[in-house]
Amino acid sequence: MNRNWNQFASRLLDVLLVIVCAAEILMPFILKDLLQLHGWRLLQGTASQEAVAISEPEYAVVLVLTMLCGLFSILILIELRRIMKTVREGHCFVEANVISLHRMGCYALTLAGLILLRCLLCFTLTMAVCCVVFLIGGSFCFVLEQVFRQAVHYKEEDDLTI
């Protein structure tokens, strides 16, 4: 059962990585439609006083922020795949996983900051929730990093014991 779960999780991460990469490639072509789906309207020129309007320069910034969010999501998935590889090999308490958890925490907090900036330009409740989720996820990664660091230390001490 545990082996089946590991294989399922690994395949799921692979599928997610492909989906996020595809979304990242398509984002410049679909973001306008996604914004309109959420009730935002793209204005020609400068922004007006309408609450649901976004100007071309603001749209460009939102696009860049969204693409950066996609990049950091890809980096998180790559780190998760590295961790899953060590789990499948039966060596999960290794220094490489401590490093991966630290990177994932940094990526998640960076994502939260990027999402917060995006919310300032183009607020949606979904993005606000995503910001909170990545703040919690980043904090969780840093806590797990410390737990794994201790586990690696205990494992190394135990390996030296006869």
C-alpha atoms as a PDB file:
ATOM      1  CA  MET A   1       0.000   0.000   0.000  1.00  0.00           C
ATOM      2  CA  ASN A   2       2.752   2.455   0.965  1.00  0.00           C
ATOM      3  CA  ARG A   3       4.607   1.734  -2.283  1.00  0.00           C
ATOM      4  CA  ASN A   4       1.388   2.262  -4.256  1.00  0.00           C
ATOM      5  CA  TRP A   5       0.838   5.597  -2.503  1.00  0.00           C
ATOM      6  CA  ASN A   6       4.411   6.693  -3.292  1.00  0.00           C
ATOM      7  CA  GLN A   7       3.951   5.793  -6.956  1.00  0.00           C
ATOM      8  CA  PHE A   8       0.603   7.592  -7.074  1.00  0.00           C
ATOM      9  CA  ALA A   9       2.058  10.715  -5.422  1.00  0.00           C
ATOM     10  CA  SER A  10       5.028  10.696  -7.798  1.00  0.00           C
ATOM     11  CA  ARG A  11       2.779  10.400 -10.844  1.00  0.00           C
ATOM     12  CA  LEU A  12       0.499  13.128  -9.504  1.00  0.00           C
ATOM     13  CA  LEU A  13       3.487  15.460  -9.105  1.00  0.00           C
ATOM     14  CA  ASP A  14       4.572  14.645 -12.671  1.00  0.00           C
ATOM     15  CA  VAL A  15       1.091  15.436 -14.014  1.00  0.00           C
ATOM     16  CA  LEU A  16       0.892  18.658 -12.004  1.00  0.00           C
ATOM     17  CA  LEU A  17       4.293  19.728 -13.298  1.00  0.00           C
ATOM     18  CA  VAL A  18       3.176  19.211 -16.905  1.00  0.00           C
ATOM     19  CA  ILE A  19      -0.090  21.105 -16.280  1.00  0.00           C
ATOM     20  CA  VAL A  20       1.638  24.048 -14.593  1.00  0.00           C
ATOM     21  CA  CYS A  21       4.292  24.230 -17.337  1.00  0.00           C
ATOM     22  CA  ALA A  22       1.548  24.231 -19.983  1.00  0.00           C
ATOM     23  CA  ALA A  23      -0.364  26.937 -18.101  1.00  0.00           C
ATOM     24  CA  GLU A  24       2.832  28.989 -17.826  1.00  0.00           C
ATOM     25  CA  ILE A  25       3.383  28.766 -21.590  1.00  0.00           C
ATOM     26  CA  LEU A  26      -0.267  29.617 -22.370  1.00  0.00           C
ATOM     27  CA  MET A  27      -0.650  32.381 -19.760  1.00  0.00           C
ATOM     28  CA  PRO A  28       0.144  35.333 -22.075  1.00  0.00           C
ATOM     29  CA  PHE A  29      -2.628  34.127 -24.381  1.00  0.00           C
ATOM     30  CA  ILE A  30      -5.333  33.273 -21.812  1.00  0.00           C
ATOM     31  CA  LEU A  31      -4.934  35.776 -18.962  1.00  0.00           C
ATOM     32  CA  LYS A  32      -7.178  38.405 -20.569  1.00  0.00           C
ATOM     33  CA  ASP A  33      -9.963  35.856 -20.920  1.00  0.00           C
ATOM     34  CA  LEU A  34      -9.460  34.662 -17.336  1.00  0.00           C
ATOM     35  CA  LEU A  35      -9.668  38.231 -16.020  1.00  0.00           C
ATOM     36  CA  GLN A  36     -12.859  38.849 -18.021  1.00  0.00           C
ATOM     37  CA  LEU A  37     -14.297  35.622 -16.631  1.00  0.00           C
ATOM     38  CA  HIS A  38     -13.854  37.122 -13.159  1.00  0.00           C
ATOM     39  CA  GLY A  39     -15.558  40.369 -14.169  1.00  0.00           C
ATOM     40  CA  TRP A  40     -12.492  42.473 -14.985  1.00  0.00           C
ATOM     41  CA  ARG A  41     -12.417  44.576 -18.103  1.00  0.00           C
ATOM     42  CA  LEU A  42      -9.280  45.673 -19.944  1.00  0.00           C
ATOM     43  CA  LEU A  43      -9.278  49.373 -20.832  1.00  0.00           C
ATOM     44  CA  GLN A  44      -7.396  50.987 -23.677  1.00  0.00           C
ATOM     45  CA  GLY A  45      -5.109  53.735 -22.375  1.00  0.00           C
ATOM     46  CA  THR A  46      -5.304  54.628 -18.691  1.00  0.00           C
ATOM     47  CA  ALA A  47      -7.525  53.287 -15.922  1.00  0.00           C
ATOM     48  CA  SER A  48     -10.903  54.854 -15.308  1.00  0.00           C
ATOM     49  CA  GLN A  49     -12.886  55.128 -12.089  1.00  0.00           C
ATOM     50  CA  GLU A  50     -14.726  51.848 -12.702  1.00  0.00           C
ATOM     51  CA  ALA A  51     -14.072  49.330  -9.937  1.00  0.00           C
ATOM     52  CA  VAL A  52     -13.639  46.394 -12.297  1.00  0.00           C
ATOM     53  CA  ALA A  53     -11.403  47.964 -14.940  1.00  0.00           C
ATOM     54  CA  ILE A  54      -7.695  47.460 -15.470  1.00  0.00           C
ATOM     55  CA  SER A  55      -5.458  49.497 -17.796  1.00  0.00           C
ATOM     56  CA  GLU A  56      -2.968  48.072 -20.313  1.00  0.00           C
ATOM     57  CA  PRO A  57       0.100  48.950 -18.159  1.00  0.00           C
ATOM     58  CA  GLU A  58      -1.553  47.401 -15.099  1.00  0.00           C
ATOM     59  CA  TYR A  59      -2.415  44.326 -17.170  1.00  0.00           C
ATOM     60  CA  ALA A  60       1.251  43.971 -18.175  1.00  0.00           C
ATOM     61  CA  VAL A  61       2.304  44.039 -14.515  1.00  0.00           C
ATOM     62  CA  VAL A  62      -0.411  41.509 -13.601  1.00  0.00           C
ATOM     63  CA  LEU A  63       0.795  39.256 -16.432  1.00  0.00           C
ATOM     64  CA  VAL A  64       4.418  39.430 -15.262  1.00  0.00           C
ATOM     65  CA  LEU A  65       3.400  38.745 -11.646  1.00  0.00           C
ATOM     66  CA  THR A  66       1.225  35.826 -12.732  1.00  0.00           C
ATOM     67  CA  MET A  67       4.042  34.368 -14.826  1.00  0.00           C
ATOM     68  CA  LEU A  68       6.455  34.714 -11.889  1.00  0.00           C
ATOM     69  CA  CYS A  69       3.922  32.914  -9.688  1.00  0.00           C
ATOM     70  CA  GLY A  70       3.856  30.102 -12.241  1.00  0.00           C
ATOM     71  CA  LEU A  71       7.652  29.918 -12.237  1.00  0.00           C
ATOM     72  CA  PHE A  72       7.827  29.625  -8.449  1.00  0.00           C
ATOM     73  CA  SER A  73       5.059  27.004  -8.521  1.00  0.00           C
ATOM     74  CA  ILE A  74       7.157  24.979 -10.956  1.00  0.00           C
ATOM     75  CA  LEU A  75      10.177  25.305  -8.649  1.00  0.00           C
ATOM     76  CA  ILE A  76       8.100  24.041  -5.701  1.00  0.00           C
ATOM     77  CA  LEU A  77       6.922  21.036  -7.725  1.00  0.00           C
ATOM     78  CA  ILE A  78      10.516  20.238  -8.729  1.00  0.00           C
ATOM     79  CA  GLU A  79      11.581  20.258  -5.067  1.00  0.00           C
ATOM     80  CA  LEU A  80       8.621  18.036  -4.148  1.00  0.00           C
ATOM     81  CA  ARG A  81       9.658  15.568  -6.857  1.00  0.00           C
ATOM     82  CA  ARG A  82      13.194  15.512  -5.410  1.00  0.00           C
ATOM     83  CA  ILE A  83      11.830  14.749  -1.963  1.00  0.00           C
ATOM     84  CA  MET A  84       9.531  12.021  -3.331  1.00  0.00           C
ATOM     85  CA  LYS A  85      12.526  10.421  -5.068  1.00  0.00           C
ATOM     86  CA  THR A  86      14.350  10.057  -1.743  1.00  0.00           C
ATOM     87  CA  VAL A  87      11.172   8.677  -0.143  1.00  0.00           C
ATOM     88  CA  ARG A  88      10.834   6.048  -2.901  1.00  0.00           C
ATOM     89  CA  GLU A  89      14.495   5.110  -2.388  1.00  0.00           C
ATOM     90  CA  GLY A  90      13.900   4.705   1.355  1.00  0.00           C
ATOM     91  CA  HIS A  91      16.249   7.510   2.403  1.00  0.00           C
ATOM     92  CA  CYS A  92      13.994  10.411   3.371  1.00  0.00           C
ATOM     93  CA  PHE A  93      16.050  11.749   6.303  1.00  0.00           C
ATOM     94  CA  VAL A  94      18.904  13.197   4.270  1.00  0.00           C
ATOM     95  CA  GLU A  95      20.414  16.657   4.043  1.00  0.00           C
ATOM     96  CA  ALA A  96      19.116  17.065   0.477  1.00  0.00           C
ATOM     97  CA  ASN A  97      15.534  17.034   1.797  1.00  0.00           C
ATOM     98  CA  VAL A  98      16.403  19.661   4.411  1.00  0.00           C
ATOM     99  CA  ILE A  99      17.712  21.871   1.603  1.00  0.00           C
ATOM    100  CA  SER A 100      14.634  21.167  -0.553  1.00  0.00           C
ATOM    101  CA  LEU A 101      12.289  22.082   2.308  1.00  0.00           C
ATOM    102  CA  HIS A 102      14.174  25.337   2.879  1.00  0.00           C
ATOM    103  CA  ARG A 103      13.966  26.199  -0.819  1.00  0.00           C
ATOM    104  CA  MET A 104      10.264  25.359  -0.911  1.00  0.00           C
ATOM    105  CA  GLY A 105       9.667  27.639   2.095  1.00  0.00           C
ATOM    106  CA  CYS A 106      11.495  30.477   0.348  1.00  0.00           C
ATOM    107  CA  TYR A 107       9.583  29.867  -2.885  1.00  0.00           C
ATOM    108  CA  ALA A 108       6.243  29.751  -1.067  1.00  0.00           C
ATOM    109  CA  LEU A 109       6.885  33.009   0.810  1.00  0.00           C
ATOM    110  CA  THR A 110       8.050  34.644  -2.422  1.00  0.00           C
ATOM    111  CA  LEU A 111       4.844  33.425  -4.062  1.00  0.00           C
ATOM    112  CA  ALA A 112       2.803  34.910  -1.218  1.00  0.00           C
ATOM    113  CA  GLY A 113       4.529  38.260  -1.756  1.00  0.00           C
ATOM    114  CA  LEU A 114       3.952  38.155  -5.520  1.00  0.00           C
ATOM    115  CA  ILE A 115       0.302  37.252  -5.013  1.00  0.00           C
ATOM    116  CA  LEU A 116      -0.086  40.112  -2.524  1.00  0.00           C
ATOM    117  CA  LEU A 117       1.317  42.532  -5.121  1.00  0.00           C
ATOM    118  CA  ARG A 118      -1.070  41.100  -7.709  1.00  0.00           C
ATOM    119  CA  CYS A 119      -3.963  41.582  -5.274  1.00  0.00           C
ATOM    120  CA  LEU A 120      -3.071  45.259  -4.976  1.00  0.00           C
ATOM    121  CA  LEU A 121      -3.527  45.661  -8.739  1.00  0.00           C
ATOM    122  CA  CYS A 122      -6.296  43.178  -9.462  1.00  0.00           C
ATOM    123  CA  PHE A 123      -7.993  41.915  -6.303  1.00  0.00           C
ATOM    124  CA  THR A 124      -9.910  38.672  -6.243  1.00  0.00           C
ATOM    125  CA  LEU A 125     -10.885  36.730  -3.162  1.00  0.00           C
ATOM    126  CA  THR A 126      -9.302  33.622  -4.652  1.00  0.00           C
ATOM    127  CA  MET A 127      -5.923  35.327  -4.897  1.00  0.00           C
ATOM    128  CA  ALA A 128      -6.195  36.607  -1.331  1.00  0.00           C
ATOM    129  CA  VAL A 129      -6.868  33.062  -0.138  1.00  0.00           C
ATOM    130  CA  CYS A 130      -3.914  31.804  -2.209  1.00  0.00           C
ATOM    131  CA  CYS A 131      -1.697  34.389  -0.514  1.00  0.00           C
ATOM    132  CA  VAL A 132      -2.685  33.089   2.922  1.00  0.00           C
ATOM    133  CA  VAL A 133      -2.246  29.465   1.797  1.00  0.00           C
ATOM    134  CA  PHE A 134       1.293  30.145   0.574  1.00  0.00           C
ATOM    135  CA  LEU A 135       2.158  32.046   3.771  1.00  0.00           C
ATOM    136  CA  ILE A 136       1.025  29.048   5.822  1.00  0.00           C
ATOM    137  CA  GLY A 137       2.695  26.600   3.413  1.00  0.00           C
ATOM    138  CA  GLY A 138       5.995  28.489   3.541  1.00  0.00           C
ATOM    139  CA  SER A 139       5.919  28.576   7.330  1.00  0.00           C
ATOM    140  CA  PHE A 140       5.092  24.859   7.388  1.00  0.00           C
ATOM    141  CA  CYS A 141       8.095  24.134   5.140  1.00  0.00           C
ATOM    142  CA  PHE A 142      10.431  25.994   7.490  1.00  0.00           C
ATOM    143  CA  VAL A 143       9.090  24.053  10.484  1.00  0.00           C
ATOM    144  CA  LEU A 144       9.489  20.750   8.600  1.00  0.00           C
ATOM    145  CA  GLU A 145      12.988  21.820   7.611  1.00  0.00           C
ATOM    146  CA  GLN A 146      13.942  22.038  11.293  1.00  0.00           C
ATOM    147  CA  VAL A 147      12.269  18.707  12.065  1.00  0.00           C
ATOM    148  CA  PHE A 148      14.119  17.013   9.205  1.00  0.00           C
ATOM    149  CA  ARG A 149      17.392  18.679  10.244  1.00  0.00           C
ATOM    150  CA  GLN A 150      17.005  17.108  13.712  1.00  0.00           C
ATOM    151  CA  ALA A 151      16.042  13.744  12.195  1.00  0.00           C
ATOM    152  CA  VAL A 152      19.122  13.805   9.945  1.00  0.00           C
ATOM    153  CA  HIS A 153      21.285  14.639  12.970  1.00  0.00           C
ATOM    154  CA  TYR A 154      19.791  11.771  15.017  1.00  0.00           C
ATOM    155  CA  LYS A 155      20.146   9.388  12.059  1.00  0.00           C
ATOM    156  CA  GLU A 156      23.806  10.312  11.584  1.00  0.00           C
ATOM    157  CA  GLU A 157      24.466   9.788  15.296  1.00  0.00           C
ATOM    158  CA  ASP A 158      22.648   6.465  15.194  1.00  0.00           C
ATOM    159  CA  ASP A 159      24.619   5.359  12.121  1.00  0.00           C
ATOM    160  CA  LEU A 160      27.872   6.001  14.055  1.00  0.00           C
ATOM    161  CA  THR A 161      26.689   3.931  17.009  1.00  0.00           C
ATOM    162  CA  ILE A 162      27.816   0.305  16.961  1.00  0.00           C
END
